[in-house]
Amino acid sequence: MQDRIREFVLTALAEMNYDVSEVTGDTDLGPAGLDLESLALADLSVQVEDEYGVKFDLDDMEGTALMTLDEFTKDVAARIASASATAGSAA
């Protein structure tokens, strides 16, 4: 699942005109790596929300800038699992 999320994120970033040719799992999303600005982080989060049905709030955005690509994809995978578990228990 994380690999699929990673590919989605990299594709989204490339479509947002970020150079992802040398991005690894250890690349920071924020200033120390890709240097995504808050608007780009918000755009990426909305795309992930739309694709995977998870939600991010404003506090999440601040933390996302400090994550590496692998940390972000792991977080998204955990949100998907949590949403699936919640949906399953509500049925």
PDB file of N, CA and C in Angstrom:
ATOM      1  N   MET A   1       0.824  -1.194   0.000  1.00  0.00           N
ATOM      2  CA  MET A   1       0.000   0.000   0.000  1.00  0.00           C
ATOM      3  C   MET A   1       0.869   1.259   0.000  1.00  0.00           C
ATOM      4  N   GLN A   2       1.927   1.245   0.817  1.00  0.00           N
ATOM      5  CA  GLN A   2       2.789   2.431   0.885  1.00  0.00           C
ATOM      6  C   GLN A   2       3.441   2.734  -0.460  1.00  0.00           C
ATOM      7  N   ASP A   3       3.806   1.699  -1.200  1.00  0.00           N
ATOM      8  CA  ASP A   3       4.434   1.919  -2.506  1.00  0.00           C
ATOM      9  C   ASP A   3       3.453   2.606  -3.460  1.00  0.00           C
ATOM     10  N   ARG A   4       2.200   2.183  -3.421  1.00  0.00           N
ATOM     11  CA  ARG A   4       1.187   2.790  -4.281  1.00  0.00           C
ATOM     12  C   ARG A   4       0.972   4.255  -3.897  1.00  0.00           C
ATOM     13  N   ILE A   5       0.929   4.532  -2.609  1.00  0.00           N
ATOM     14  CA  ILE A   5       0.769   5.909  -2.134  1.00  0.00           C
ATOM     15  C   ILE A   5       1.977   6.737  -2.560  1.00  0.00           C
ATOM     16  N   ARG A   6       3.152   6.169  -2.408  1.00  0.00           N
ATOM     17  CA  ARG A   6       4.385   6.881  -2.783  1.00  0.00           C
ATOM     18  C   ARG A   6       4.360   7.258  -4.263  1.00  0.00           C
ATOM     19  N   GLU A   7       3.976   6.318  -5.113  1.00  0.00           N
ATOM     20  CA  GLU A   7       3.901   6.597  -6.546  1.00  0.00           C
ATOM     21  C   GLU A   7       2.874   7.692  -6.833  1.00  0.00           C
ATOM     22  N   PHE A   8       1.747   7.650  -6.138  1.00  0.00           N
ATOM     23  CA  PHE A   8       0.721   8.683  -6.315  1.00  0.00           C
ATOM     24  C   PHE A   8       1.283  10.048  -5.921  1.00  0.00           C
ATOM     25  N   VAL A   9       1.958  10.113  -4.781  1.00  0.00           N
ATOM     26  CA  VAL A   9       2.516  11.378  -4.289  1.00  0.00           C
ATOM     27  C   VAL A   9       3.573  11.908  -5.261  1.00  0.00           C
ATOM     28  N   LEU A  10       4.454  11.041  -5.727  1.00  0.00           N
ATOM     29  CA  LEU A  10       5.490  11.475  -6.662  1.00  0.00           C
ATOM     30  C   LEU A  10       4.880  11.978  -7.972  1.00  0.00           C
ATOM     31  N   THR A  11       3.867  11.290  -8.451  1.00  0.00           N
ATOM     32  CA  THR A  11       3.187  11.731  -9.675  1.00  0.00           C
ATOM     33  C   THR A  11       2.520  13.083  -9.456  1.00  0.00           C
ATOM     34  N   ALA A  12       1.851  13.239  -8.316  1.00  0.00           N
ATOM     35  CA  ALA A  12       1.193  14.512  -8.002  1.00  0.00           C
ATOM     36  C   ALA A  12       2.216  15.642  -7.923  1.00  0.00           C
ATOM     37  N   LEU A  13       3.344  15.389  -7.283  1.00  0.00           N
ATOM     38  CA  LEU A  13       4.386  16.416  -7.171  1.00  0.00           C
ATOM     39  C   LEU A  13       4.961  16.775  -8.534  1.00  0.00           C
ATOM     40  N   ALA A  14       5.168  15.778  -9.378  1.00  0.00           N
ATOM     41  CA  ALA A  14       5.680  16.040 -10.731  1.00  0.00           C
ATOM     42  C   ALA A  14       4.685  16.888 -11.518  1.00  0.00           C
ATOM     43  N   GLU A  15       3.389  16.596 -11.353  1.00  0.00           N
ATOM     44  CA  GLU A  15       2.356  17.378 -12.034  1.00  0.00           C
ATOM     45  C   GLU A  15       2.277  18.807 -11.492  1.00  0.00           C
ATOM     46  N   MET A  16       2.775  18.991 -10.275  1.00  0.00           N
ATOM     47  CA  MET A  16       2.819  20.324  -9.664  1.00  0.00           C
ATOM     48  C   MET A  16       4.147  21.021 -10.001  1.00  0.00           C
ATOM     49  N   ASN A  17       4.895  20.432 -10.932  1.00  0.00           N
ATOM     50  CA  ASN A  17       6.170  20.983 -11.428  1.00  0.00           C
ATOM     51  C   ASN A  17       7.321  20.929 -10.432  1.00  0.00           C
ATOM     52  N   TYR A  18       7.310  19.942  -9.548  1.00  0.00           N
ATOM     53  CA  TYR A  18       8.453  19.709  -8.667  1.00  0.00           C
ATOM     54  C   TYR A  18       9.334  18.642  -9.305  1.00  0.00           C
ATOM     55  N   ASP A  19      10.647  18.834  -9.202  1.00  0.00           N
ATOM     56  CA  ASP A  19      11.586  17.858  -9.740  1.00  0.00           C
ATOM     57  C   ASP A  19      11.705  16.704  -8.752  1.00  0.00           C
ATOM     58  N   VAL A  20      11.188  15.552  -9.129  1.00  0.00           N
ATOM     59  CA  VAL A  20      11.212  14.392  -8.240  1.00  0.00           C
ATOM     60  C   VAL A  20      12.222  13.349  -8.714  1.00  0.00           C
ATOM     61  N   SER A  21      13.078  13.722  -9.664  1.00  0.00           N
ATOM     62  CA  SER A  21      14.017  12.765 -10.249  1.00  0.00           C
ATOM     63  C   SER A  21      15.006  12.188  -9.236  1.00  0.00           C
ATOM     64  N   GLU A  22      15.351  12.955  -8.214  1.00  0.00           N
ATOM     65  CA  GLU A  22      16.311  12.470  -7.228  1.00  0.00           C
ATOM     66  C   GLU A  22      15.695  12.288  -5.837  1.00  0.00           C
ATOM     67  N   VAL A  23      14.375  12.271  -5.780  1.00  0.00           N
ATOM     68  CA  VAL A  23      13.675  12.107  -4.501  1.00  0.00           C
ATOM     69  C   VAL A  23      13.772  10.654  -4.048  1.00  0.00           C
ATOM     70  N   THR A  24      14.093  10.483  -2.777  1.00  0.00           N
ATOM     71  CA  THR A  24      14.108   9.155  -2.156  1.00  0.00           C
ATOM     72  C   THR A  24      13.134   9.172  -0.990  1.00  0.00           C
ATOM     73  N   GLY A  25      12.990   8.048  -0.348  1.00  0.00           N
ATOM     74  CA  GLY A  25      12.111   7.965   0.820  1.00  0.00           C
ATOM     75  C   GLY A  25      12.566   8.855   1.958  1.00  0.00           C
ATOM     76  N   ASP A  26      13.866   9.184   1.977  1.00  0.00           N
ATOM     77  CA  ASP A  26      14.424  10.013   3.042  1.00  0.00           C
ATOM     78  C   ASP A  26      14.381  11.512   2.728  1.00  0.00           C
ATOM     79  N   THR A  27      13.847  11.866   1.567  1.00  0.00           N
ATOM     80  CA  THR A  27      13.773  13.276   1.185  1.00  0.00           C
ATOM     81  C   THR A  27      12.697  13.985   1.997  1.00  0.00           C
ATOM     82  N   ASP A  28      13.076  15.094   2.621  1.00  0.00           N
ATOM     83  CA  ASP A  28      12.118  15.894   3.380  1.00  0.00           C
ATOM     84  C   ASP A  28      11.151  16.585   2.420  1.00  0.00           C
ATOM     85  N   LEU A  29       9.901  16.714   2.853  1.00  0.00           N
ATOM     86  CA  LEU A  29       8.919  17.442   2.051  1.00  0.00           C
ATOM     87  C   LEU A  29       9.103  18.947   2.202  1.00  0.00           C
ATOM     88  N   GLY A  30       9.634  19.365   3.344  1.00  0.00           N
ATOM     89  CA  GLY A  30       9.774  20.787   3.644  1.00  0.00           C
ATOM     90  C   GLY A  30      11.089  21.379   3.182  1.00  0.00           C
ATOM     91  N   PRO A  31      11.542  22.431   3.871  1.00  0.00           N
ATOM     92  CA  PRO A  31      12.694  23.225   3.452  1.00  0.00           C
ATOM     93  C   PRO A  31      13.990  22.438   3.261  1.00  0.00           C
ATOM     94  N   ALA A  32      14.185  21.383   3.986  1.00  0.00           N
ATOM     95  CA  ALA A  32      15.441  20.640   3.880  1.00  0.00           C
ATOM     96  C   ALA A  32      15.471  19.690   2.682  1.00  0.00           C
ATOM     97  N   GLY A  33      14.361  19.614   1.946  1.00  0.00           N
ATOM     98  CA  GLY A  33      14.310  18.685   0.817  1.00  0.00           C
ATOM     99  C   GLY A  33      13.615  19.288  -0.382  1.00  0.00           C
ATOM    100  N   LEU A  34      12.370  18.867  -0.605  1.00  0.00           N
ATOM    101  CA  LEU A  34      11.608  19.357  -1.752  1.00  0.00           C
ATOM    102  C   LEU A  34      11.201  20.815  -1.615  1.00  0.00           C
ATOM    103  N   ASP A  35      11.210  21.313  -0.395  1.00  0.00           N
ATOM    104  CA  ASP A  35      10.862  22.710  -0.117  1.00  0.00           C
ATOM    105  C   ASP A  35       9.441  23.051  -0.562  1.00  0.00           C
ATOM    106  N   LEU A  36       8.494  22.154  -0.240  1.00  0.00           N
ATOM    107  CA  LEU A  36       7.095  22.420  -0.555  1.00  0.00           C
ATOM    108  C   LEU A  36       6.597  23.572   0.308  1.00  0.00           C
ATOM    109  N   GLU A  37       6.002  24.537  -0.317  1.00  0.00           N
ATOM    110  CA  GLU A  37       5.410  25.663   0.414  1.00  0.00           C
ATOM    111  C   GLU A  37       4.051  25.228   0.945  1.00  0.00           C
ATOM    112  N   SER A  38       3.480  26.029   1.833  1.00  0.00           N
ATOM    113  CA  SER A  38       2.218  25.654   2.465  1.00  0.00           C
ATOM    114  C   SER A  38       1.112  25.414   1.444  1.00  0.00           C
ATOM    115  N   LEU A  39       1.072  26.210   0.390  1.00  0.00           N
ATOM    116  CA  LEU A  39       0.047  26.024  -0.637  1.00  0.00           C
ATOM    117  C   LEU A  39       0.238  24.695  -1.357  1.00  0.00           C
ATOM    118  N   ALA A  40       1.486  24.334  -1.641  1.00  0.00           N
ATOM    119  CA  ALA A  40       1.777  23.056  -2.292  1.00  0.00           C
ATOM    120  C   ALA A  40       1.432  21.890  -1.375  1.00  0.00           C
ATOM    121  N   LEU A  41       1.717  22.020  -0.079  1.00  0.00           N
ATOM    122  CA  LEU A  41       1.356  20.975   0.877  1.00  0.00           C
ATOM    123  C   LEU A  41      -0.160  20.812   0.945  1.00  0.00           C
ATOM    124  N   ALA A  42      -0.875  21.942   0.922  1.00  0.00           N
ATOM    125  CA  ALA A  42      -2.337  21.887   0.950  1.00  0.00           C
ATOM    126  C   ALA A  42      -2.856  21.211  -0.312  1.00  0.00           C
ATOM    127  N   ASP A  43      -2.289  21.564  -1.458  1.00  0.00           N
ATOM    128  CA  ASP A  43      -2.700  20.960  -2.726  1.00  0.00           C
ATOM    129  C   ASP A  43      -2.446  19.456  -2.704  1.00  0.00           C
ATOM    130  N   LEU A  44      -1.274  19.050  -2.268  1.00  0.00           N
ATOM    131  CA  LEU A  44      -0.937  17.632  -2.184  1.00  0.00           C
ATOM    132  C   LEU A  44      -1.901  16.908  -1.247  1.00  0.00           C
ATOM    133  N   SER A  45      -2.180  17.518  -0.112  1.00  0.00           N
ATOM    134  CA  SER A  45      -3.087  16.897   0.861  1.00  0.00           C
ATOM    135  C   SER A  45      -4.484  16.716   0.286  1.00  0.00           C
ATOM    136  N   VAL A  46      -4.969  17.717  -0.440  1.00  0.00           N
ATOM    137  CA  VAL A  46      -6.300  17.617  -1.056  1.00  0.00           C
ATOM    138  C   VAL A  46      -6.313  16.482  -2.080  1.00  0.00           C
ATOM    139  N   GLN A  47      -5.252  16.373  -2.861  1.00  0.00           N
ATOM    140  CA  GLN A  47      -5.188  15.286  -3.841  1.00  0.00           C
ATOM    141  C   GLN A  47      -5.187  13.926  -3.158  1.00  0.00           C
ATOM    142  N   VAL A  48      -4.449  13.805  -2.055  1.00  0.00           N
ATOM    143  CA  VAL A  48      -4.409  12.544  -1.303  1.00  0.00           C
ATOM    144  C   VAL A  48      -5.782  12.268  -0.678  1.00  0.00           C
ATOM    145  N   GLU A  49      -6.414  13.307  -0.132  1.00  0.00           N
ATOM    146  CA  GLU A  49      -7.758  13.152   0.430  1.00  0.00           C
ATOM    147  C   GLU A  49      -8.730  12.633  -0.623  1.00  0.00           C
ATOM    148  N   ASP A  50      -8.692  13.236  -1.801  1.00  0.00           N
ATOM    149  CA  ASP A  50      -9.595  12.841  -2.884  1.00  0.00           C
ATOM    150  C   ASP A  50      -9.326  11.414  -3.352  1.00  0.00           C
ATOM    151  N   GLU A  51      -8.068  11.053  -3.435  1.00  0.00           N
ATOM    152  CA  GLU A  51      -7.697   9.736  -3.945  1.00  0.00           C
ATOM    153  C   GLU A  51      -7.971   8.618  -2.947  1.00  0.00           C
ATOM    154  N   TYR A  52      -7.704   8.879  -1.660  1.00  0.00           N
ATOM    155  CA  TYR A  52      -7.749   7.813  -0.663  1.00  0.00           C
ATOM    156  C   TYR A  52      -8.838   7.973   0.395  1.00  0.00           C
ATOM    157  N   GLY A  53      -9.593   9.054   0.340  1.00  0.00           N
ATOM    158  CA  GLY A  53     -10.707   9.225   1.274  1.00  0.00           C
ATOM    159  C   GLY A  53     -10.283   9.469   2.714  1.00  0.00           C
ATOM    160  N   VAL A  54      -9.126  10.083   2.912  1.00  0.00           N
ATOM    161  CA  VAL A  54      -8.662  10.431   4.258  1.00  0.00           C
ATOM    162  C   VAL A  54      -8.742  11.944   4.420  1.00  0.00           C
ATOM    163  N   LYS A  55      -8.640  12.407   5.639  1.00  0.00           N
ATOM    164  CA  LYS A  55      -8.745  13.843   5.905  1.00  0.00           C
ATOM    165  C   LYS A  55      -7.509  14.335   6.652  1.00  0.00           C
ATOM    166  N   PHE A  56      -7.114  15.557   6.322  1.00  0.00           N
ATOM    167  CA  PHE A  56      -6.039  16.262   7.028  1.00  0.00           C
ATOM    168  C   PHE A  56      -6.632  17.549   7.569  1.00  0.00           C
ATOM    169  N   ASP A  57      -6.224  17.944   8.770  1.00  0.00           N
ATOM    170  CA  ASP A  57      -6.659  19.246   9.272  1.00  0.00           C
ATOM    171  C   ASP A  57      -5.454  20.199   9.273  1.00  0.00           C
ATOM    172  N   LEU A  58      -5.676  21.422   9.684  1.00  0.00           N
ATOM    173  CA  LEU A  58      -4.633  22.439   9.628  1.00  0.00           C
ATOM    174  C   LEU A  58      -3.392  22.045  10.422  1.00  0.00           C
ATOM    175  N   ASP A  59      -3.583  21.443  11.586  1.00  0.00           N
ATOM    176  CA  ASP A  59      -2.440  21.009  12.397  1.00  0.00           C
ATOM    177  C   ASP A  59      -1.614  19.954  11.662  1.00  0.00           C
ATOM    178  N   ASP A  60      -2.282  19.111  10.893  1.00  0.00           N
ATOM    179  CA  ASP A  60      -1.575  18.084  10.129  1.00  0.00           C
ATOM    180  C   ASP A  60      -0.655  18.713   9.089  1.00  0.00           C
ATOM    181  N   MET A  61      -1.095  19.807   8.498  1.00  0.00           N
ATOM    182  CA  MET A  61      -0.307  20.467   7.459  1.00  0.00           C
ATOM    183  C   MET A  61       1.057  20.908   7.992  1.00  0.00           C
ATOM    184  N   GLU A  62       1.067  21.453   9.202  1.00  0.00           N
ATOM    185  CA  GLU A  62       2.317  21.919   9.789  1.00  0.00           C
ATOM    186  C   GLU A  62       3.284  20.752  10.005  1.00  0.00           C
ATOM    187  N   GLY A  63       2.760  19.635  10.457  1.00  0.00           N
ATOM    188  CA  GLY A  63       3.599  18.465  10.692  1.00  0.00           C
ATOM    189  C   GLY A  63       4.090  17.822   9.408  1.00  0.00           C
ATOM    190  N   THR A  64       3.281  17.914   8.358  1.00  0.00           N
ATOM    191  CA  THR A  64       3.645  17.306   7.077  1.00  0.00           C
ATOM    192  C   THR A  64       4.929  17.902   6.528  1.00  0.00           C
ATOM    193  N   ALA A  65       5.126  19.188   6.699  1.00  0.00           N
ATOM    194  CA  ALA A  65       6.329  19.847   6.182  1.00  0.00           C
ATOM    195  C   ALA A  65       7.603  19.308   6.823  1.00  0.00           C
ATOM    196  N   LEU A  66       7.477  18.700   7.980  1.00  0.00           N
ATOM    197  CA  LEU A  66       8.640  18.166   8.694  1.00  0.00           C
ATOM    198  C   LEU A  66       8.885  16.694   8.388  1.00  0.00           C
ATOM    199  N   MET A  67       8.009  16.085   7.585  1.00  0.00           N
ATOM    200  CA  MET A  67       8.112  14.656   7.293  1.00  0.00           C
ATOM    201  C   MET A  67       8.969  14.391   6.060  1.00  0.00           C
ATOM    202  N   THR A  68       9.523  13.186   6.020  1.00  0.00           N
ATOM    203  CA  THR A  68      10.149  12.695   4.792  1.00  0.00           C
ATOM    204  C   THR A  68       9.049  12.081   3.935  1.00  0.00           C
ATOM    205  N   LEU A  69       9.374  11.767   2.709  1.00  0.00           N
ATOM    206  CA  LEU A  69       8.398  11.127   1.828  1.00  0.00           C
ATOM    207  C   LEU A  69       7.897   9.823   2.439  1.00  0.00           C
ATOM    208  N   ASP A  70       8.816   9.001   2.964  1.00  0.00           N
ATOM    209  CA  ASP A  70       8.407   7.729   3.574  1.00  0.00           C
ATOM    210  C   ASP A  70       7.527   7.940   4.804  1.00  0.00           C
ATOM    211  N   GLU A  71       7.842   8.929   5.611  1.00  0.00           N
ATOM    212  CA  GLU A  71       7.018   9.212   6.797  1.00  0.00           C
ATOM    213  C   GLU A  71       5.616   9.644   6.374  1.00  0.00           C
ATOM    214  N   PHE A  72       5.537  10.462   5.332  1.00  0.00           N
ATOM    215  CA  PHE A  72       4.240  10.921   4.848  1.00  0.00           C
ATOM    216  C   PHE A  72       3.421   9.756   4.304  1.00  0.00           C
ATOM    217  N   THR A  73       4.034   8.898   3.492  1.00  0.00           N
ATOM    218  CA  THR A  73       3.276   7.776   2.934  1.00  0.00           C
ATOM    219  C   THR A  73       2.843   6.803   4.032  1.00  0.00           C
ATOM    220  N   LYS A  74       3.681   6.627   5.045  1.00  0.00           N
ATOM    221  CA  LYS A  74       3.319   5.764   6.178  1.00  0.00           C
ATOM    222  C   LYS A  74       2.134   6.366   6.936  1.00  0.00           C
ATOM    223  N   ASP A  75       2.141   7.688   7.111  1.00  0.00           N
ATOM    224  CA  ASP A  75       1.040   8.386   7.778  1.00  0.00           C
ATOM    225  C   ASP A  75      -0.250   8.225   6.988  1.00  0.00           C
ATOM    226  N   VAL A  76      -0.179   8.392   5.671  1.00  0.00           N
ATOM    227  CA  VAL A  76      -1.376   8.244   4.837  1.00  0.00           C
ATOM    228  C   VAL A  76      -1.896   6.807   4.927  1.00  0.00           C
ATOM    229  N   ALA A  77      -1.001   5.820   4.858  1.00  0.00           N
ATOM    230  CA  ALA A  77      -1.406   4.418   4.962  1.00  0.00           C
ATOM    231  C   ALA A  77      -2.092   4.148   6.299  1.00  0.00           C
ATOM    232  N   ALA A  78      -1.572   4.731   7.375  1.00  0.00           N
ATOM    233  CA  ALA A  78      -2.188   4.560   8.696  1.00  0.00           C
ATOM    234  C   ALA A  78      -3.571   5.209   8.738  1.00  0.00           C
ATOM    235  N   ARG A  79      -3.722   6.363   8.113  1.00  0.00           N
ATOM    236  CA  ARG A  79      -5.028   7.029   8.056  1.00  0.00           C
ATOM    237  C   ARG A  79      -6.040   6.191   7.276  1.00  0.00           C
ATOM    238  N   ILE A  80      -5.576   5.576   6.185  1.00  0.00           N
ATOM    239  CA  ILE A  80      -6.456   4.721   5.385  1.00  0.00           C
ATOM    240  C   ILE A  80      -6.902   3.525   6.218  1.00  0.00           C
ATOM    241  N   ALA A  81      -5.956   2.891   6.904  1.00  0.00           N
ATOM    242  CA  ALA A  81      -6.265   1.742   7.743  1.00  0.00           C
ATOM    243  C   ALA A  81      -7.243   2.120   8.855  1.00  0.00           C
ATOM    244  N   SER A  82      -7.010   3.289   9.466  1.00  0.00           N
ATOM    245  CA  SER A  82      -7.888   3.750  10.536  1.00  0.00           C
ATOM    246  C   SER A  82      -9.284   4.042  10.005  1.00  0.00           C
ATOM    247  N   ALA A  83      -9.371   4.683   8.845  1.00  0.00           N
ATOM    248  CA  ALA A  83     -10.669   4.984   8.250  1.00  0.00           C
ATOM    249  C   ALA A  83     -11.405   3.711   7.885  1.00  0.00           C
ATOM    250  N   SER A  84     -10.677   2.710   7.391  1.00  0.00           N
ATOM    251  CA  SER A  84     -11.287   1.429   7.028  1.00  0.00           C
ATOM    252  C   SER A  84     -11.793   0.706   8.278  1.00  0.00           C
ATOM    253  N   ALA A  85     -11.000   0.759   9.349  1.00  0.00           N
ATOM    254  CA  ALA A  85     -11.403   0.111  10.592  1.00  0.00           C
ATOM    255  C   ALA A  85     -12.636   0.792  11.168  1.00  0.00           C
ATOM    256  N   THR A  86     -12.670   2.109  11.120  1.00  0.00           N
ATOM    257  CA  THR A  86     -13.819   2.855  11.631  1.00  0.00           C
ATOM    258  C   THR A  86     -15.055   2.560  10.803  1.00  0.00           C
ATOM    259  N   ALA A  87     -14.906   2.529   9.491  1.00  0.00           N
ATOM    260  CA  ALA A  87     -16.032   2.235   8.609  1.00  0.00           C
ATOM    261  C   ALA A  87     -16.529   0.798   8.839  1.00  0.00           C
ATOM    262  N   GLY A  88     -15.599  -0.109   9.059  1.00  0.00           N
ATOM    263  CA  GLY A  88     -15.971  -1.510   9.301  1.00  0.00           C
ATOM    264  C   GLY A  88     -16.711  -1.697  10.601  1.00  0.00           C
ATOM    265  N   SER A  89     -16.333  -0.958  11.639  1.00  0.00           N
ATOM    266  CA  SER A  89     -16.998  -1.095  12.931  1.00  0.00           C
ATOM    267  C   SER A  89     -18.344  -0.398  12.948  1.00  0.00           C
ATOM    268  N   ALA A  90     -18.552   0.527  12.030  1.00  0.00           N
ATOM    269  CA  ALA A  90     -19.829   1.244  11.984  1.00  0.00           C
ATOM    270  C   ALA A  90     -20.883   0.437  11.219  1.00  0.00           C
ATOM    271  N   ALA A  91     -20.433  -0.555  10.475  1.00  0.00           N
ATOM    272  CA  ALA A  91     -21.371  -1.332   9.661  1.00  0.00           C
ATOM    273  C   ALA A  91     -22.153  -2.337  10.459  1.00  0.00           C
TER     274      ALA A  91
END
